[in-house]
């Protein structure tokens, strides 16, 4: 029984959205489950997919919180 955890940022896919939609989550679950079937021959009904939404201020890269890094990159300094 595979358990797959998918982490996504809680910021949505458009400027006016602050989270991933139920439809997007359903597509992620379907797609990941299909990959497990195709690659490992794991039946769809035995694959569990957990989606974790991570708040934007709880992750970063380049030694900076994400918002600061993106700002720096947009200014051409990263």
Protein backbone atom coordinates (compact mmCIF):
# COMPACT_ATOMS: atom_id res chain seq x y z
CA UNK A 1 0.00 0.00 0.00
CA UNK A 2 1.82 3.12 -1.17
CA UNK A 3 1.26 6.43 0.58
CA UNK A 4 2.40 9.40 -1.49
CA UNK A 5 2.64 12.88 0.02
CA UNK A 6 2.49 15.86 -2.31
CA UNK A 7 3.39 19.28 -0.95
CA UNK A 8 2.10 22.37 -2.73
CA UNK A 9 2.32 26.00 -1.77
CA UNK A 10 -0.84 27.59 -0.50
CA UNK A 11 -0.92 30.42 -2.99
CA UNK A 12 -3.10 29.17 -5.79
CA UNK A 13 -2.40 29.26 -9.48
CA UNK A 14 -3.63 32.78 -10.16
CA UNK A 15 -3.12 36.12 -8.39
CA UNK A 16 -6.70 36.19 -7.07
CA UNK A 17 -6.50 32.72 -5.48
CA UNK A 18 -4.95 31.67 -2.19
CA UNK A 19 -5.18 27.89 -2.40
CA UNK A 20 -5.36 24.90 -4.68
CA UNK A 21 -8.92 24.13 -5.80
CA UNK A 22 -10.75 20.89 -5.08
CA UNK A 23 -10.66 20.13 -8.80
CA UNK A 24 -6.87 20.59 -8.93
CA UNK A 25 -6.45 18.36 -5.89
CA UNK A 26 -8.62 15.68 -7.50
CA UNK A 27 -6.45 15.85 -10.63
CA UNK A 28 -3.27 15.52 -8.53
CA UNK A 29 -4.69 12.48 -6.73
CA UNK A 30 -5.77 10.85 -9.99
CA UNK A 31 -2.45 11.56 -11.71
CA UNK A 32 -0.24 10.36 -8.85
CA UNK A 33 -2.34 7.24 -8.43
CA UNK A 34 -2.04 6.49 -12.15
CA UNK A 35 1.76 6.89 -11.99
CA UNK A 36 1.90 4.38 -9.13
CA UNK A 37 -0.17 1.95 -11.20
CA UNK A 38 1.92 2.47 -14.35
CA UNK A 39 5.34 2.34 -12.69
CA UNK A 40 4.89 0.00 -9.73
CA UNK A 41 1.75 -1.88 -10.74
CA UNK A 42 0.02 -0.71 -7.55
CA UNK A 43 -3.78 -0.86 -7.83
CA UNK A 44 -5.56 2.49 -7.69
CA UNK A 45 -7.62 1.37 -4.71
CA UNK A 46 -4.51 0.64 -2.64
CA UNK A 47 -2.74 3.96 -3.25
CA UNK A 48 -3.23 6.80 -0.80
CA UNK A 49 -2.33 10.35 -1.81
CA UNK A 50 -1.96 13.04 0.84
CA UNK A 51 -1.85 16.67 -0.24
CA UNK A 52 -0.25 19.15 2.14
CA UNK A 53 -0.66 22.85 1.45
CA UNK A 54 2.28 24.83 2.77
CA UNK A 55 1.78 28.49 3.71
CA UNK A 56 3.95 30.80 1.65
CA UNK A 57 5.79 32.11 4.70
CA UNK A 58 6.72 28.56 5.76
CA UNK A 59 9.19 27.89 2.95
CA UNK A 60 12.02 29.54 1.13
CA UNK A 61 15.17 29.02 -0.89
CA UNK A 62 18.39 30.80 -1.63
CA UNK A 63 18.71 31.54 2.09
CA UNK A 64 15.60 33.73 2.09
CA UNK A 65 11.88 33.42 2.72
CA UNK A 66 10.10 32.86 -0.59
CA UNK A 67 8.52 36.30 -0.87
CA UNK A 68 11.89 38.00 -0.31
CA UNK A 69 13.65 35.68 -2.76
CA UNK A 70 11.05 36.28 -5.47
CA UNK A 71 11.31 40.04 -4.94
CA UNK A 72 15.08 39.90 -5.20
CA UNK A 73 14.87 37.75 -8.32
CA UNK A 74 12.35 40.10 -9.94
CA UNK A 75 14.76 42.96 -9.33
CA UNK A 76 17.45 40.96 -11.11
CA UNK A 77 19.55 40.52 -7.98
CA UNK A 78 19.24 36.74 -7.60
